[in-house]
């Protein structure tokens, strides 16, 4: 059975590429800035600029048609969110929130959860660390990747 494909959306530097690599069992090392849409068998990694600039929203909506689910990525060390309230409701797919970098000393997991819950997700919110592995198996289970 083929794994469902997921699209990752989040701010520049939020941990989308690292999360995609870890979910795909590629390890978090050697991550570089995503310049364009990057497809793998199981994921679509989007550049952070696509959510930071509303003129790219149409590209996100169109690309989401190629995915089975959309993961909204919120860096738990940031004190603001780039996502407009209710943004997830604009997607006709399963929507999941993932708070990243929870192993960082400045991480605030509850704040990240709060930002993600404002999106109108139709799926759960999970806090993860790509480096310690915390929460990664839970995300895989939610995506039916186990």
Protein backbone atom coordinates (compact mmCIF):
# COMPACT_ATOMS: atom_id res chain seq x y z
CA UNK A 1 0.00 0.00 0.00
CA UNK A 2 1.28 3.44 -0.95
CA UNK A 3 1.89 5.95 1.83
CA UNK A 4 -0.35 9.01 1.71
CA UNK A 5 1.49 12.09 0.42
CA UNK A 6 1.64 15.09 2.73
CA UNK A 7 2.28 18.75 1.92
CA UNK A 8 4.16 20.83 4.51
CA UNK A 9 3.44 24.55 4.93
CA UNK A 10 5.16 26.94 7.33
CA UNK A 11 7.36 29.99 7.71
CA UNK A 12 10.94 30.20 6.50
CA UNK A 13 13.10 28.29 8.99
CA UNK A 14 10.17 26.63 10.78
CA UNK A 15 11.52 23.11 10.27
CA UNK A 16 9.46 21.88 7.30
CA UNK A 17 12.36 20.33 5.40
CA UNK A 18 13.84 18.75 8.51
CA UNK A 19 10.44 17.32 9.45
CA UNK A 20 9.93 15.94 5.93
CA UNK A 21 13.38 14.30 5.99
CA UNK A 22 12.80 12.71 9.40
CA UNK A 23 9.30 11.50 8.49
CA UNK A 24 10.78 9.99 5.30
CA UNK A 25 13.54 8.31 7.37
CA UNK A 26 16.25 10.40 5.71
CA UNK A 27 17.61 11.97 8.92
CA UNK A 28 17.70 15.70 9.73
CA UNK A 29 21.27 16.36 8.56
CA UNK A 30 22.28 18.43 5.53
CA UNK A 31 19.12 20.53 5.31
CA UNK A 32 19.24 23.49 2.98
CA UNK A 33 16.87 26.33 2.21
CA UNK A 34 13.93 25.21 0.09
CA UNK A 35 13.83 27.42 -3.01
CA UNK A 36 10.96 25.77 -4.89
CA UNK A 37 8.38 23.06 -4.35
CA UNK A 38 10.24 19.84 -3.58
CA UNK A 39 8.51 16.54 -4.20
CA UNK A 40 9.39 13.16 -2.75
CA UNK A 41 7.38 9.95 -2.89
CA UNK A 42 5.58 10.85 0.34
CA UNK A 43 5.89 14.60 0.78
CA UNK A 44 5.73 18.00 -0.86
CA UNK A 45 7.97 20.55 0.85
CA UNK A 46 6.96 24.16 0.20
CA UNK A 47 9.15 27.26 0.48
CA UNK A 48 8.31 29.39 3.53
CA UNK A 49 7.79 32.41 1.29
CA UNK A 50 4.66 30.73 -0.09
CA UNK A 51 2.80 31.22 3.20
CA UNK A 52 4.52 34.50 4.11
CA UNK A 53 3.31 36.19 0.91
CA UNK A 54 -0.46 36.02 0.23
CA UNK A 55 0.13 36.29 -3.53
CA UNK A 56 1.45 32.69 -3.36
CA UNK A 57 -1.62 31.27 -1.58
CA UNK A 58 -3.09 30.13 -4.91
CA UNK A 59 0.05 28.05 -5.52
CA UNK A 60 -0.41 26.41 -2.10
CA UNK A 61 -4.08 25.64 -2.76
CA UNK A 62 -3.29 24.19 -6.21
CA UNK A 63 -0.36 22.12 -4.92
CA UNK A 64 -2.44 20.73 -2.07
CA UNK A 65 -4.57 18.93 -4.67
CA UNK A 66 -1.58 16.61 -5.17
CA UNK A 67 -1.47 15.72 -1.46
CA UNK A 68 -3.60 13.55 0.80
CA UNK A 69 -3.00 15.77 3.85
CA UNK A 70 -1.54 19.17 4.70
CA UNK A 71 0.74 19.70 7.69
CA UNK A 72 0.94 23.23 9.07
CA UNK A 73 4.34 23.67 10.73
CA UNK A 74 4.81 26.14 13.61
CA UNK A 75 8.27 26.72 15.10
CA UNK A 76 7.77 26.49 18.89
CA UNK A 77 10.55 29.02 19.47
CA UNK A 78 8.72 31.82 17.62
CA UNK A 79 6.41 34.24 19.37
CA UNK A 80 4.20 34.82 16.35
CA UNK A 81 2.53 32.85 13.59
CA UNK A 82 2.58 33.59 9.85
CA UNK A 83 -0.73 31.81 9.32
CA UNK A 84 -3.94 33.83 9.08
CA UNK A 85 -6.70 32.65 11.46
CA UNK A 86 -8.85 29.95 9.85
CA UNK A 87 -6.33 29.37 7.02
CA UNK A 88 -6.51 25.56 7.20
CA UNK A 89 -10.24 25.65 6.45
CA UNK A 90 -9.41 26.82 2.90
CA UNK A 91 -7.87 23.40 2.14
CA UNK A 92 -10.10 20.49 1.12
CA UNK A 93 -7.69 17.94 2.60
CA UNK A 94 -6.98 16.56 6.04
CA UNK A 95 -5.16 19.29 7.96
CA UNK A 96 -2.74 18.61 10.80
CA UNK A 97 -0.73 20.97 13.00
CA UNK A 98 2.86 20.22 14.01
CA UNK A 99 4.83 22.32 16.47
CA UNK A 100 8.55 21.85 15.82
CA UNK A 101 11.79 22.40 17.73
CA UNK A 102 10.32 21.50 21.12
CA UNK A 103 13.77 20.37 22.27
CA UNK A 104 15.04 23.97 22.01
CA UNK A 105 15.55 25.87 25.31
CA UNK A 106 13.32 28.75 24.10
CA UNK A 107 10.54 26.48 22.86
CA UNK A 108 7.01 27.11 24.12
CA UNK A 109 4.93 24.13 23.04
CA UNK A 110 1.67 25.48 24.42
CA UNK A 111 2.08 28.74 22.48
CA UNK A 112 2.79 26.77 19.28
CA UNK A 113 -0.32 24.65 19.89
CA UNK A 114 -2.37 27.78 20.46
CA UNK A 115 -1.20 29.30 17.15
CA UNK A 116 -1.99 26.08 15.30
CA UNK A 117 -5.44 25.66 16.85
CA UNK A 118 -6.45 29.08 15.46
CA UNK A 119 -6.10 27.70 11.92
CA UNK A 120 -9.32 25.69 11.93
CA UNK A 121 -7.57 22.35 11.50
CA UNK A 122 -9.71 19.25 10.96
CA UNK A 123 -6.99 17.01 12.46
CA UNK A 124 -4.84 16.97 15.59
CA UNK A 125 -1.91 19.09 16.75
CA UNK A 126 1.35 17.31 17.65
CA UNK A 127 4.55 18.70 19.17
CA UNK A 128 7.77 17.21 17.77
CA UNK A 129 11.53 17.30 17.88
CA UNK A 130 13.27 16.08 14.75
CA UNK A 131 16.47 15.65 16.74
CA UNK A 132 15.20 13.72 19.78
CA UNK A 133 12.45 11.96 17.81
CA UNK A 134 9.73 13.05 20.23
CA UNK A 135 6.32 13.08 18.55
CA UNK A 136 7.57 11.75 15.20
CA UNK A 137 5.94 8.31 15.55
CA UNK A 138 2.67 9.99 16.54
CA UNK A 139 2.72 12.04 13.31
CA UNK A 140 3.47 8.89 11.29
CA UNK A 141 0.49 7.14 12.91
CA UNK A 142 -1.80 10.09 12.17
CA UNK A 143 -0.67 9.96 8.53
CA UNK A 144 -1.06 6.15 8.43
CA UNK A 145 2.65 5.80 7.68
CA UNK A 146 3.28 3.14 10.33
